[in-house]
C-alpha atoms as a PDB file:
ATOM      1  CA  UNK A   1      16.021  18.057  -0.420  1.00  0.00           C
ATOM      2  CA  UNK A   2      17.615  15.544   1.922  1.00  0.00           C
ATOM      3  CA  UNK A   3      20.871  13.901   0.675  1.00  0.00           C
ATOM      4  CA  UNK A   4      19.576  10.377   0.823  1.00  0.00           C
ATOM      5  CA  UNK A   5      18.071   8.187  -1.954  1.00  0.00           C
ATOM      6  CA  UNK A   6      14.325   7.234  -1.854  1.00  0.00           C
ATOM      7  CA  UNK A   7      13.066   4.525  -3.993  1.00  0.00           C
ATOM      8  CA  UNK A   8       9.454   3.472  -5.063  1.00  0.00           C
ATOM      9  CA  UNK A   9       8.257  -0.038  -4.929  1.00  0.00           C
ATOM     10  CA  UNK A  10       5.100  -1.127  -6.850  1.00  0.00           C
ATOM     11  CA  UNK A  11       3.883  -4.777  -6.901  1.00  0.00           C
ATOM     12  CA  UNK A  12       1.995  -5.432 -10.170  1.00  0.00           C
ATOM     13  CA  UNK A  13      -0.114  -8.239 -11.591  1.00  0.00           C
ATOM     14  CA  UNK A  14      -1.190  -8.342 -15.245  1.00  0.00           C
ATOM     15  CA  UNK A  15      -4.749  -9.889 -14.955  1.00  0.00           C
ATOM     16  CA  UNK A  16      -4.875 -10.482 -18.629  1.00  0.00           C
ATOM     17  CA  UNK A  17      -1.816 -12.580 -18.892  1.00  0.00           C
ATOM     18  CA  UNK A  18      -3.109 -16.176 -19.690  1.00  0.00           C
ATOM     19  CA  UNK A  19       0.008 -18.018 -18.304  1.00  0.00           C
ATOM     20  CA  UNK A  20      -0.332 -16.179 -14.999  1.00  0.00           C
ATOM     21  CA  UNK A  21      -4.063 -16.813 -14.940  1.00  0.00           C
ATOM     22  CA  UNK A  22      -3.638 -20.678 -15.564  1.00  0.00           C
ATOM     23  CA  UNK A  23      -1.109 -20.770 -12.820  1.00  0.00           C
ATOM     24  CA  UNK A  24      -3.474 -18.928 -10.491  1.00  0.00           C
ATOM     25  CA  UNK A  25      -6.404 -21.149 -11.290  1.00  0.00           C
ATOM     26  CA  UNK A  26      -4.192 -24.297 -10.744  1.00  0.00           C
ATOM     27  CA  UNK A  27      -3.138 -23.330  -7.327  1.00  0.00           C
ATOM     28  CA  UNK A  28      -6.621 -21.977  -6.388  1.00  0.00           C
ATOM     29  CA  UNK A  29      -8.134 -25.336  -7.380  1.00  0.00           C
ATOM     30  CA  UNK A  30      -5.543 -27.256  -5.276  1.00  0.00           C
ATOM     31  CA  UNK A  31      -6.021 -24.920  -2.174  1.00  0.00           C
ATOM     32  CA  UNK A  32      -9.554 -23.984  -2.600  1.00  0.00           C
ATOM     33  CA  UNK A  33      -9.236 -21.129  -0.165  1.00  0.00           C
ATOM     34  CA  UNK A  34      -8.377 -18.090  -2.032  1.00  0.00           C
ATOM     35  CA  UNK A  35     -10.104 -15.023  -0.378  1.00  0.00           C
ATOM     36  CA  UNK A  36     -10.558 -11.402  -1.303  1.00  0.00           C
ATOM     37  CA  UNK A  37      -9.891 -11.805  -5.051  1.00  0.00           C
ATOM     38  CA  UNK A  38     -10.257  -8.448  -6.736  1.00  0.00           C
ATOM     39  CA  UNK A  39     -13.178  -7.774  -9.191  1.00  0.00           C
ATOM     40  CA  UNK A  40     -10.877  -5.564 -11.339  1.00  0.00           C
ATOM     41  CA  UNK A  41      -7.190  -6.133 -12.309  1.00  0.00           C
ATOM     42  CA  UNK A  42      -4.556  -3.835 -13.791  1.00  0.00           C
ATOM     43  CA  UNK A  43      -3.272  -4.051 -17.230  1.00  0.00           C
ATOM     44  CA  UNK A  44      -0.143  -2.972 -19.234  1.00  0.00           C
ATOM     45  CA  UNK A  45      -1.830   0.201 -20.345  1.00  0.00           C
ATOM     46  CA  UNK A  46      -2.801   1.285 -16.905  1.00  0.00           C
ATOM     47  CA  UNK A  47       0.721   0.609 -15.707  1.00  0.00           C
ATOM     48  CA  UNK A  48       2.093   2.704 -18.351  1.00  0.00           C
ATOM     49  CA  UNK A  49      -0.208   5.522 -17.264  1.00  0.00           C
ATOM     50  CA  UNK A  50       0.749   4.943 -13.676  1.00  0.00           C
ATOM     51  CA  UNK A  51       4.512   5.215 -14.699  1.00  0.00           C
ATOM     52  CA  UNK A  52       3.805   8.397 -16.777  1.00  0.00           C
ATOM     53  CA  UNK A  53       2.462   9.931 -13.425  1.00  0.00           C
ATOM     54  CA  UNK A  54       5.283   8.603 -11.393  1.00  0.00           C
ATOM     55  CA  UNK A  55       7.988   9.937 -13.687  1.00  0.00           C
ATOM     56  CA  UNK A  56       6.446  13.312 -13.935  1.00  0.00           C
ATOM     57  CA  UNK A  57       5.259  13.825 -10.342  1.00  0.00           C
ATOM     58  CA  UNK A  58       7.807  12.017  -8.252  1.00  0.00           C
ATOM     59  CA  UNK A  59      11.174  13.267  -9.783  1.00  0.00           C
ATOM     60  CA  UNK A  60      12.693  12.811  -6.374  1.00  0.00           C
ATOM     61  CA  UNK A  61      12.528   8.954  -6.779  1.00  0.00           C
ATOM     62  CA  UNK A  62      15.972   7.398  -7.187  1.00  0.00           C
ATOM     63  CA  UNK A  63      14.630   4.145  -8.674  1.00  0.00           C
ATOM     64  CA  UNK A  64      11.225   2.655  -9.441  1.00  0.00           C
ATOM     65  CA  UNK A  65      11.054  -1.062  -8.817  1.00  0.00           C
ATOM     66  CA  UNK A  66       8.188  -2.820 -10.534  1.00  0.00           C
ATOM     67  CA  UNK A  67       7.764  -6.250  -8.775  1.00  0.00           C
ATOM     68  CA  UNK A  68       6.307  -8.935 -10.943  1.00  0.00           C
ATOM     69  CA  UNK A  69       5.984 -12.787 -11.298  1.00  0.00           C
ATOM     70  CA  UNK A  70       8.401 -14.550 -13.631  1.00  0.00           C
ATOM     71  CA  UNK A  71       5.305 -15.280 -16.023  1.00  0.00           C
ATOM     72  CA  UNK A  72       4.694 -11.553 -16.485  1.00  0.00           C
ATOM     73  CA  UNK A  73       5.105 -10.601 -20.161  1.00  0.00           C
ATOM     74  CA  UNK A  74       6.478  -6.905 -20.280  1.00  0.00           C
ATOM     75  CA  UNK A  75       7.060  -6.992 -24.023  1.00  0.00           C
ATOM     76  CA  UNK A  76       5.932  -3.863 -25.806  1.00  0.00           C
ATOM     77  CA  UNK A  77       5.927  -1.725 -22.755  1.00  0.00           C
ATOM     78  CA  UNK A  78       7.563   1.659 -22.609  1.00  0.00           C
ATOM     79  CA  UNK A  79       9.735   0.891 -19.498  1.00  0.00           C
ATOM     80  CA  UNK A  80      13.187   1.288 -20.802  1.00  0.00           C
ATOM     81  CA  UNK A  81      14.299   4.006 -18.404  1.00  0.00           C
ATOM     82  CA  UNK A  82      17.495   4.177 -16.245  1.00  0.00           C
ATOM     83  CA  UNK A  83      15.574   4.580 -13.120  1.00  0.00           C
ATOM     84  CA  UNK A  84      13.039   1.834 -13.715  1.00  0.00           C
ATOM     85  CA  UNK A  85      13.948  -1.759 -12.628  1.00  0.00           C
ATOM     86  CA  UNK A  86      12.073  -4.919 -12.969  1.00  0.00           C
ATOM     87  CA  UNK A  87      12.367  -7.235 -10.021  1.00  0.00           C
ATOM     88  CA  UNK A  88      10.984 -10.729  -9.871  1.00  0.00           C
ATOM     89  CA  UNK A  89       9.444 -12.469  -6.864  1.00  0.00           C
ATOM     90  CA  UNK A  90      12.101 -15.146  -6.840  1.00  0.00           C
ATOM     91  CA  UNK A  91      14.903 -12.571  -6.537  1.00  0.00           C
ATOM     92  CA  UNK A  92      13.731 -11.600  -2.907  1.00  0.00           C
ATOM     93  CA  UNK A  93      10.957 -13.830  -1.639  1.00  0.00           C
ATOM     94  CA  UNK A  94      12.163 -17.175   0.014  1.00  0.00           C
ATOM     95  CA  UNK A  95      11.541 -20.100  -2.276  1.00  0.00           C
ATOM     96  CA  UNK A  96       9.260 -21.855   0.303  1.00  0.00           C
ATOM     97  CA  UNK A  97       6.736 -19.098  -0.470  1.00  0.00           C
ATOM     98  CA  UNK A  98       6.639 -19.432  -4.150  1.00  0.00           C
ATOM     99  CA  UNK A  99       4.805 -19.120  -6.371  1.00  0.00           C
ATOM    100  CA  UNK A 100       2.743 -16.739  -4.422  1.00  0.00           C
ATOM    101  CA  UNK A 101      -0.607 -14.900  -5.248  1.00  0.00           C
ATOM    102  CA  UNK A 102      -0.716 -13.313  -1.843  1.00  0.00           C
ATOM    103  CA  UNK A 103      -0.076  -9.586  -1.855  1.00  0.00           C
ATOM    104  CA  UNK A 104       0.673  -9.755   1.806  1.00  0.00           C
ATOM    105  CA  UNK A 105       3.738 -12.091   1.280  1.00  0.00           C
ATOM    106  CA  UNK A 106       5.070  -9.939  -1.593  1.00  0.00           C
ATOM    107  CA  UNK A 107       4.855  -6.725   0.430  1.00  0.00           C
ATOM    108  CA  UNK A 108       6.167  -8.030   3.698  1.00  0.00           C
ATOM    109  CA  UNK A 109       9.263  -9.251   1.910  1.00  0.00           C
ATOM    110  CA  UNK A 110       9.768  -6.102  -0.157  1.00  0.00           C
ATOM    111  CA  UNK A 111      12.464  -4.840   2.077  1.00  0.00           C
ATOM    112  CA  UNK A 112      14.620  -7.725   0.762  1.00  0.00           C
ATOM    113  CA  UNK A 113      14.599  -6.573  -2.843  1.00  0.00           C
ATOM    114  CA  UNK A 114      18.191  -6.320  -4.059  1.00  0.00           C
ATOM    115  CA  UNK A 115      19.721  -2.792  -4.312  1.00  0.00           C
ATOM    116  CA  UNK A 116      16.716  -1.246  -2.776  1.00  0.00           C
ATOM    117  CA  UNK A 117      17.522   2.008  -0.978  1.00  0.00           C
ATOM    118  CA  UNK A 118      17.214   2.203   2.776  1.00  0.00           C
ATOM    119  CA  UNK A 119      14.266   4.631   2.462  1.00  0.00           C
ATOM    120  CA  UNK A 120      11.516   3.593   0.026  1.00  0.00           C
ATOM    121  CA  UNK A 121       7.822   4.271  -0.557  1.00  0.00           C
ATOM    122  CA  UNK A 122       5.489   1.309  -1.121  1.00  0.00           C
ATOM    123  CA  UNK A 123       2.838   1.935  -3.608  1.00  0.00           C
ATOM    124  CA  UNK A 124      -0.209   0.021  -4.836  1.00  0.00           C
ATOM    125  CA  UNK A 125      -0.861   0.203  -8.641  1.00  0.00           C
ATOM    126  CA  UNK A 126      -4.185   1.838  -8.032  1.00  0.00           C
ATOM    127  CA  UNK A 127      -2.494   4.955  -6.349  1.00  0.00           C
ATOM    128  CA  UNK A 128      -1.941   7.365  -9.123  1.00  0.00           C
ATOM    129  CA  UNK A 129       0.395  10.491  -8.813  1.00  0.00           C
ATOM    130  CA  UNK A 130      -1.621  13.357 -10.272  1.00  0.00           C
ATOM    131  CA  UNK A 131       0.235  16.473  -9.009  1.00  0.00           C
ATOM    132  CA  UNK A 132       3.829  17.234  -7.960  1.00  0.00           C
ATOM    133  CA  UNK A 133       5.216  15.499  -4.916  1.00  0.00           C
ATOM    134  CA  UNK A 134       8.256  16.060  -3.121  1.00  0.00           C
ATOM    135  CA  UNK A 135      10.679  13.824  -0.948  1.00  0.00           C
ATOM    136  CA  UNK A 136       9.610  15.876   2.082  1.00  0.00           C
ATOM    137  CA  UNK A 137       5.935  14.425   1.556  1.00  0.00           C
ATOM    138  CA  UNK A 138       7.336  11.043   2.742  1.00  0.00           C
ATOM    139  CA  UNK A 139      10.385  11.628   4.763  1.00  0.00           C
ATOM    140  CA  UNK A 140      11.877  14.436   6.861  1.00  0.00           C
ATOM    141  CA  UNK A 141      15.428  15.755   6.169  1.00  0.00           C
ATOM    142  CA  UNK A 142      16.838  13.330   8.782  1.00  0.00           C
ATOM    143  CA  UNK A 143      15.086  10.347   7.255  1.00  0.00           C
ATOM    144  CA  UNK A 144      12.062   9.916   9.611  1.00  0.00           C
ATOM    145  CA  UNK A 145       9.012   8.715   7.906  1.00  0.00           C
ATOM    146  CA  UNK A 146       6.111  10.999   7.481  1.00  0.00           C
ATOM    147  CA  UNK A 147       2.690   9.626   8.551  1.00  0.00           C
ATOM    148  CA  UNK A 148      -0.781  10.478   9.595  1.00  0.00           C
ATOM    149  CA  UNK A 149      -1.742   9.073  13.148  1.00  0.00           C
ATOM    150  CA  UNK A 150      -5.403   9.353  13.376  1.00  0.00           C
ATOM    151  CA  UNK A 151      -6.556   6.788  15.929  1.00  0.00           C
ATOM    152  CA  UNK A 152      -9.526   4.919  14.560  1.00  0.00           C
ATOM    153  CA  UNK A 153     -10.633   1.465  15.726  1.00  0.00           C
ATOM    154  CA  UNK A 154     -10.542  -1.041  12.822  1.00  0.00           C
ATOM    155  CA  UNK A 155     -13.863  -1.980  11.089  1.00  0.00           C
ATOM    156  CA  UNK A 156     -14.808  -5.614  10.782  1.00  0.00           C
ATOM    157  CA  UNK A 157     -17.073  -5.408   7.769  1.00  0.00           C
ATOM    158  CA  UNK A 158     -14.454  -6.260   5.063  1.00  0.00           C
ATOM    159  CA  UNK A 159     -12.654  -9.368   4.092  1.00  0.00           C
ATOM    160  CA  UNK A 160      -9.399  -7.702   4.617  1.00  0.00           C
ATOM    161  CA  UNK A 161     -10.267  -6.751   8.308  1.00  0.00           C
ATOM    162  CA  UNK A 162      -8.839 -10.059   9.778  1.00  0.00           C
ATOM    163  CA  UNK A 163      -5.363  -9.124   8.581  1.00  0.00           C
ATOM    164  CA  UNK A 164      -5.600  -5.636  10.304  1.00  0.00           C
ATOM    165  CA  UNK A 165      -6.782  -7.409  13.509  1.00  0.00           C
ATOM    166  CA  UNK A 166      -3.779  -9.893  13.311  1.00  0.00           C
ATOM    167  CA  UNK A 167      -1.445  -6.960  13.055  1.00  0.00           C
ATOM    168  CA  UNK A 168      -2.998  -5.533  16.105  1.00  0.00           C
ATOM    169  CA  UNK A 169      -2.810  -8.800  18.057  1.00  0.00           C
ATOM    170  CA  UNK A 170       0.895  -8.687  17.735  1.00  0.00           C
ATOM    171  CA  UNK A 171       1.220  -4.915  18.686  1.00  0.00           C
ATOM    172  CA  UNK A 172      -0.891  -5.513  21.778  1.00  0.00           C
ATOM    173  CA  UNK A 173       1.263  -8.439  22.907  1.00  0.00           C
ATOM    174  CA  UNK A 174       4.505  -6.338  22.832  1.00  0.00           C
ATOM    175  CA  UNK A 175       3.587  -2.714  23.794  1.00  0.00           C
ATOM    176  CA  UNK A 176       1.907  -1.105  26.757  1.00  0.00           C
ATOM    177  CA  UNK A 177      -1.184   0.840  25.556  1.00  0.00           C
ATOM    178  CA  UNK A 178      -1.541   2.869  28.655  1.00  0.00           C
ATOM    179  CA  UNK A 179       1.975   4.337  28.157  1.00  0.00           C
ATOM    180  CA  UNK A 180       1.084   4.968  24.440  1.00  0.00           C
ATOM    181  CA  UNK A 181      -2.234   6.764  25.557  1.00  0.00           C
ATOM    182  CA  UNK A 182      -0.268   9.014  27.967  1.00  0.00           C
ATOM    183  CA  UNK A 183       2.371   9.990  25.344  1.00  0.00           C
ATOM    184  CA  UNK A 184      -0.060  10.555  22.678  1.00  0.00           C
ATOM    185  CA  UNK A 185      -2.161  12.932  24.986  1.00  0.00           C
ATOM    186  CA  UNK A 186       1.032  14.718  25.833  1.00  0.00           C
ATOM    187  CA  UNK A 187       1.886  15.308  22.180  1.00  0.00           C
ATOM    188  CA  UNK A 188      -1.461  16.216  21.050  1.00  0.00           C
ATOM    189  CA  UNK A 189      -3.400  18.014  23.958  1.00  0.00           C
ATOM    190  CA  UNK A 190      -2.625  21.539  22.500  1.00  0.00           C
ATOM    191  CA  UNK A 191      -4.531  20.427  19.408  1.00  0.00           C
ATOM    192  CA  UNK A 192      -7.633  19.077  21.068  1.00  0.00           C
ATOM    193  CA  UNK A 193      -9.947  21.404  19.334  1.00  0.00           C
ATOM    194  CA  UNK A 194      -9.181  20.002  15.999  1.00  0.00           C
ATOM    195  CA  UNK A 195     -11.969  17.479  15.224  1.00  0.00           C
ATOM    196  CA  UNK A 196      -9.773  14.733  14.108  1.00  0.00           C
ATOM    197  CA  UNK A 197      -7.271  15.218  17.028  1.00  0.00           C
ATOM    198  CA  UNK A 198     -10.283  15.367  19.430  1.00  0.00           C
ATOM    199  CA  UNK A 199     -11.656  12.053  18.119  1.00  0.00           C
ATOM    200  CA  UNK A 200      -8.213  10.333  18.459  1.00  0.00           C
ATOM    201  CA  UNK A 201      -8.023  11.435  21.949  1.00  0.00           C
ATOM    202  CA  UNK A 202     -11.431  10.382  22.845  1.00  0.00           C
ATOM    203  CA  UNK A 203     -10.853   6.908  21.260  1.00  0.00           C
ATOM    204  CA  UNK A 204      -7.707   6.524  23.320  1.00  0.00           C
ATOM    205  CA  UNK A 205      -9.466   7.495  26.433  1.00  0.00           C
ATOM    206  CA  UNK A 206     -12.219   5.002  25.928  1.00  0.00           C
ATOM    207  CA  UNK A 207     -10.097   2.203  24.669  1.00  0.00           C
ATOM    208  CA  UNK A 208      -7.958  -0.194  26.765  1.00  0.00           C
ATOM    209  CA  UNK A 209      -5.652  -1.769  23.940  1.00  0.00           C
ATOM    210  CA  UNK A 210      -4.580  -0.813  20.497  1.00  0.00           C
ATOM    211  CA  UNK A 211      -7.502  -0.953  18.039  1.00  0.00           C
ATOM    212  CA  UNK A 212      -5.974   0.611  15.119  1.00  0.00           C
ATOM    213  CA  UNK A 213      -5.169   3.842  13.040  1.00  0.00           C
ATOM    214  CA  UNK A 214      -7.116   5.140  10.078  1.00  0.00           C
ATOM    215  CA  UNK A 215      -6.012   3.846   6.698  1.00  0.00           C
ATOM    216  CA  UNK A 216      -5.675   6.525   4.107  1.00  0.00           C
ATOM    217  CA  UNK A 217      -5.246   4.085   1.259  1.00  0.00           C
ATOM    218  CA  UNK A 218      -2.193   5.878  -0.165  1.00  0.00           C
ATOM    219  CA  UNK A 219       1.421   5.036  -0.528  1.00  0.00           C
ATOM    220  CA  UNK A 220       3.385   4.592   2.652  1.00  0.00           C
ATOM    221  CA  UNK A 221       6.950   5.609   3.460  1.00  0.00           C
ATOM    222  CA  UNK A 222       9.183   2.900   5.044  1.00  0.00           C
ATOM    223  CA  UNK A 223      12.887   2.002   5.699  1.00  0.00           C
ATOM    224  CA  UNK A 224      14.436  -1.311   5.389  1.00  0.00           C
ATOM    225  CA  UNK A 225      15.486  -1.001   9.013  1.00  0.00           C
ATOM    226  CA  UNK A 226      11.838  -0.610  10.120  1.00  0.00           C
ATOM    227  CA  UNK A 227      11.041  -3.945   8.522  1.00  0.00           C
ATOM    228  CA  UNK A 228      14.078  -5.626   9.932  1.00  0.00           C
ATOM    229  CA  UNK A 229      13.327  -4.333  13.431  1.00  0.00           C
ATOM    230  CA  UNK A 230       9.703  -5.196  13.272  1.00  0.00           C
ATOM    231  CA  UNK A 231      10.036  -8.699  11.936  1.00  0.00           C
ATOM    232  CA  UNK A 232      12.981  -9.185  14.299  1.00  0.00           C
ATOM    233  CA  UNK A 233      10.678  -8.272  17.199  1.00  0.00           C
ATOM    234  CA  UNK A 234       8.043 -10.747  15.949  1.00  0.00           C
ATOM    235  CA  UNK A 235      10.414 -13.529  14.766  1.00  0.00           C
ATOM    236  CA  UNK A 236       7.574 -16.002  14.547  1.00  0.00           C
ATOM    237  CA  UNK A 237       5.745 -14.120  11.914  1.00  0.00           C
ATOM    238  CA  UNK A 238       7.322 -15.611   8.799  1.00  0.00           C
ATOM    239  CA  UNK A 239       6.565 -19.033   9.998  1.00  0.00           C
ATOM    240  CA  UNK A 240       3.242 -18.768  11.769  1.00  0.00           C
ATOM    241  CA  UNK A 241       1.408 -16.321   9.564  1.00  0.00           C
ATOM    242  CA  UNK A 242       2.995 -16.100   6.038  1.00  0.00           C
ATOM    243  CA  UNK A 243       3.688 -19.703   5.173  1.00  0.00           C
ATOM    244  CA  UNK A 244       1.681 -22.578   3.573  1.00  0.00           C
ATOM    245  CA  UNK A 245      -0.855 -20.990   1.465  1.00  0.00           C
ATOM    246  CA  UNK A 246      -0.285 -19.379  -1.900  1.00  0.00           C
ATOM    247  CA  UNK A 247      -3.222 -16.968  -1.303  1.00  0.00           C
ATOM    248  CA  UNK A 248      -4.468 -14.690   1.386  1.00  0.00           C
ATOM    249  CA  UNK A 249      -5.676 -16.449   4.513  1.00  0.00           C
ATOM    250  CA  UNK A 250      -7.378 -15.583   7.679  1.00  0.00           C
ATOM    251  CA  UNK A 251      -4.166 -15.842   9.644  1.00  0.00           C
ATOM    252  CA  UNK A 252      -2.059 -13.297   7.370  1.00  0.00           C
ATOM    253  CA  UNK A 253      -0.325 -10.192   8.678  1.00  0.00           C
ATOM    254  CA  UNK A 254       0.629  -7.461   6.260  1.00  0.00           C
ATOM    255  CA  UNK A 255       3.169  -4.511   5.850  1.00  0.00           C
ATOM    256  CA  UNK A 256       0.850  -2.367   7.866  1.00  0.00           C
ATOM    257  CA  UNK A 257       2.234  -4.190  11.029  1.00  0.00           C
ATOM    258  CA  UNK A 258       5.469  -2.237  10.340  1.00  0.00           C
ATOM    259  CA  UNK A 259       3.408   0.937  10.157  1.00  0.00           C
ATOM    260  CA  UNK A 260       1.477   0.146  13.265  1.00  0.00           C
ATOM    261  CA  UNK A 261       4.662  -0.577  15.096  1.00  0.00           C
ATOM    262  CA  UNK A 262       6.183   2.789  14.289  1.00  0.00           C
ATOM    263  CA  UNK A 263       2.843   4.552  15.029  1.00  0.00           C
ATOM    264  CA  UNK A 264       2.801   2.931  18.568  1.00  0.00           C
ATOM    265  CA  UNK A 265       6.413   3.783  19.298  1.00  0.00           C
ATOM    266  CA  UNK A 266       6.130   7.455  17.869  1.00  0.00           C
ATOM    267  CA  UNK A 267       8.792   6.663  15.321  1.00  0.00           C
ATOM    268  CA  UNK A 268       7.449   9.126  12.745  1.00  0.00           C
ATOM    269  CA  UNK A 269       6.803  12.647  11.864  1.00  0.00           C
ATOM    270  CA  UNK A 270       3.044  13.615  11.943  1.00  0.00           C
ATOM    271  CA  UNK A 271       1.127  15.197   9.099  1.00  0.00           C
ATOM    272  CA  UNK A 272      -2.637  16.042   8.582  1.00  0.00           C
ATOM    273  CA  UNK A 273      -4.967  13.198   7.564  1.00  0.00           C
ATOM    274  CA  UNK A 274      -5.708  13.235   3.792  1.00  0.00           C
ATOM    275  CA  UNK A 275      -3.237  16.085   3.080  1.00  0.00           C
ATOM    276  CA  UNK A 276      -1.183  13.986   0.704  1.00  0.00           C
ATOM    277  CA  UNK A 277      -3.858  12.038  -1.249  1.00  0.00           C
ATOM    278  CA  UNK A 278      -7.559  10.866  -1.353  1.00  0.00           C
ATOM    279  CA  UNK A 279      -9.389   7.771  -1.803  1.00  0.00           C
ATOM    280  CA  UNK A 280     -12.211   6.856  -4.163  1.00  0.00           C
ATOM    281  CA  UNK A 281     -13.757   3.675  -5.555  1.00  0.00           C
ATOM    282  CA  UNK A 282     -14.248   2.624  -9.123  1.00  0.00           C
ATOM    283  CA  UNK A 283     -17.895   2.974 -10.074  1.00  0.00           C
ATOM    284  CA  UNK A 284     -19.501   0.008 -11.789  1.00  0.00           C
ATOM    285  CA  UNK A 285     -20.055   0.497 -15.389  1.00  0.00           C
ATOM    286  CA  UNK A 286     -19.170   3.402 -17.665  1.00  0.00           C
ATOM    287  CA  UNK A 287     -19.318   6.520 -15.472  1.00  0.00           C
ATOM    288  CA  UNK A 288     -16.443   7.655 -13.220  1.00  0.00           C
ATOM    289  CA  UNK A 289     -17.726  11.000 -12.092  1.00  0.00           C
ATOM    290  CA  UNK A 290     -16.074  11.025  -8.781  1.00  0.00           C
ATOM    291  CA  UNK A 291     -12.664  10.292 -10.348  1.00  0.00           C
ATOM    292  CA  UNK A 292     -13.095  13.182 -12.840  1.00  0.00           C
ATOM    293  CA  UNK A 293     -14.135  15.586  -9.984  1.00  0.00           C
ATOM    294  CA  UNK A 294     -11.059  14.511  -7.944  1.00  0.00           C
ATOM    295  CA  UNK A 295      -8.633  14.944 -10.944  1.00  0.00           C
ATOM    296  CA  UNK A 296      -9.956  18.689 -11.195  1.00  0.00           C
ATOM    297  CA  UNK A 297      -8.895  19.260  -7.631  1.00  0.00           C
ATOM    298  CA  UNK A 298      -5.327  19.758  -6.491  1.00  0.00           C
ATOM    299  CA  UNK A 299      -4.729  16.468  -4.866  1.00  0.00           C
ATOM    300  CA  UNK A 300      -1.281  14.893  -5.147  1.00  0.00           C
ATOM    301  CA  UNK A 301      -2.291  11.296  -5.249  1.00  0.00           C
ATOM    302  CA  UNK A 302      -5.554   9.617  -5.847  1.00  0.00           C
ATOM    303  CA  UNK A 303      -6.173   5.983  -4.860  1.00  0.00           C
ATOM    304  CA  UNK A 304      -8.878   4.365  -7.349  1.00  0.00           C
ATOM    305  CA  UNK A 305      -9.846   1.208  -5.485  1.00  0.00           C
ATOM    306  CA  UNK A 306     -11.570  -1.707  -6.974  1.00  0.00           C
ATOM    307  CA  UNK A 307     -14.864  -3.184  -5.908  1.00  0.00           C
ATOM    308  CA  UNK A 308     -16.727  -6.325  -6.515  1.00  0.00           C
ATOM    309  CA  UNK A 309     -18.504  -5.991  -9.902  1.00  0.00           C
ATOM    310  CA  UNK A 310     -19.773  -8.157 -12.948  1.00  0.00           C
ATOM    311  CA  UNK A 311     -17.349  -8.889 -15.697  1.00  0.00           C
ATOM    312  CA  UNK A 312     -19.306  -6.549 -17.914  1.00  0.00           C
ATOM    313  CA  UNK A 313     -19.191  -3.733 -15.459  1.00  0.00           C
ATOM    314  CA  UNK A 314     -15.476  -4.252 -14.961  1.00  0.00           C
ATOM    315  CA  UNK A 315     -14.945  -4.000 -18.649  1.00  0.00           C
ATOM    316  CA  UNK A 316     -16.895  -0.826 -18.830  1.00  0.00           C
ATOM    317  CA  UNK A 317     -15.149   0.623 -15.900  1.00  0.00           C
ATOM    318  CA  UNK A 318     -11.780  -0.262 -17.228  1.00  0.00           C
ATOM    319  CA  UNK A 319     -12.501   1.509 -20.475  1.00  0.00           C
ATOM    320  CA  UNK A 320     -13.769   4.687 -18.879  1.00  0.00           C
ATOM    321  CA  UNK A 321     -10.646   4.636 -16.386  1.00  0.00           C
ATOM    322  CA  UNK A 322      -8.398   4.282 -19.390  1.00  0.00           C
ATOM    323  CA  UNK A 323     -10.140   7.177 -21.205  1.00  0.00           C
ATOM    324  CA  UNK A 324      -9.943   9.492 -18.272  1.00  0.00           C
ATOM    325  CA  UNK A 325      -6.393   8.846 -17.233  1.00  0.00           C
ATOM    326  CA  UNK A 326      -5.061   8.895 -20.870  1.00  0.00           C
ATOM    327  CA  UNK A 327      -6.718  12.323 -21.313  1.00  0.00           C
ATOM    328  CA  UNK A 328      -5.432  13.632 -17.846  1.00  0.00           C
ATOM    329  CA  UNK A 329      -1.807  12.622 -18.378  1.00  0.00           C
ATOM    330  CA  UNK A 330      -1.870  13.787 -22.011  1.00  0.00           C
ATOM    331  CA  UNK A 331      -3.287  17.125 -21.009  1.00  0.00           C
ATOM    332  CA  UNK A 332      -0.775  17.449 -18.165  1.00  0.00           C
END
């Protein structure tokens, strides 16, 4: 194992917290422009299950930073561990942005968390560790981030797509796509008969600008230096795209801008697509057959993404998710 520390950062919201909910509804009524609100939120019980997986399957983690709002009530939770640290939004996010209900703001400022290691992995709370991982899954021995580089034009059918497009606009404004295309071909032409590599090469040949890379919906390895360099390059970002609204807006950028910047500059160590984890969606109602099947496989990480559903369907899905994960982590 490399001789540098790697931390985990996980932003978390307790959707059942009445104080938080009241604050959320107040600012939403004032602004009236909240977009992309989840149909399913986490809970203390799900966070404890997430931590159970992280403590068992990410033993390389130096510290786990749980990022929360000051209104969050953590009483009764089993989080009194030496390597678990609670960090509040007002400890690292500039006060002009607070309070915030915008995950893009929280994640873009994550590199400013006090005492955060230079190398860290940014998790979402729906990404569960379900088998042993190593530090080398995320960083090489010399500290370079490990990432999948499948070129894939961004889709525009989801609410979140505008944020990805905004990221790409900045990339295209600073980097020469033709140089990237030539270098990508040089690095990958020997693997042209691999289907995903061939597809990436074809997209690059047909496109005339950066159109995106495929999103695995799994945790991403970063360094604080990457964030500083990226946001230093795009010094107008904090003012132009991340100020004003307490919620997501159509002018947002995200932490993926940092990932795109390093992919476009080849500042990473490549790995195969979906070799670290897989993605599935919560199924409305009581049955979660896809999740149960994936847990029986040997994946290291499973992202269980939420979808729009009715309140009744969300309650049923939550109950089944709790049952499945409780049984899984108890068995393991």
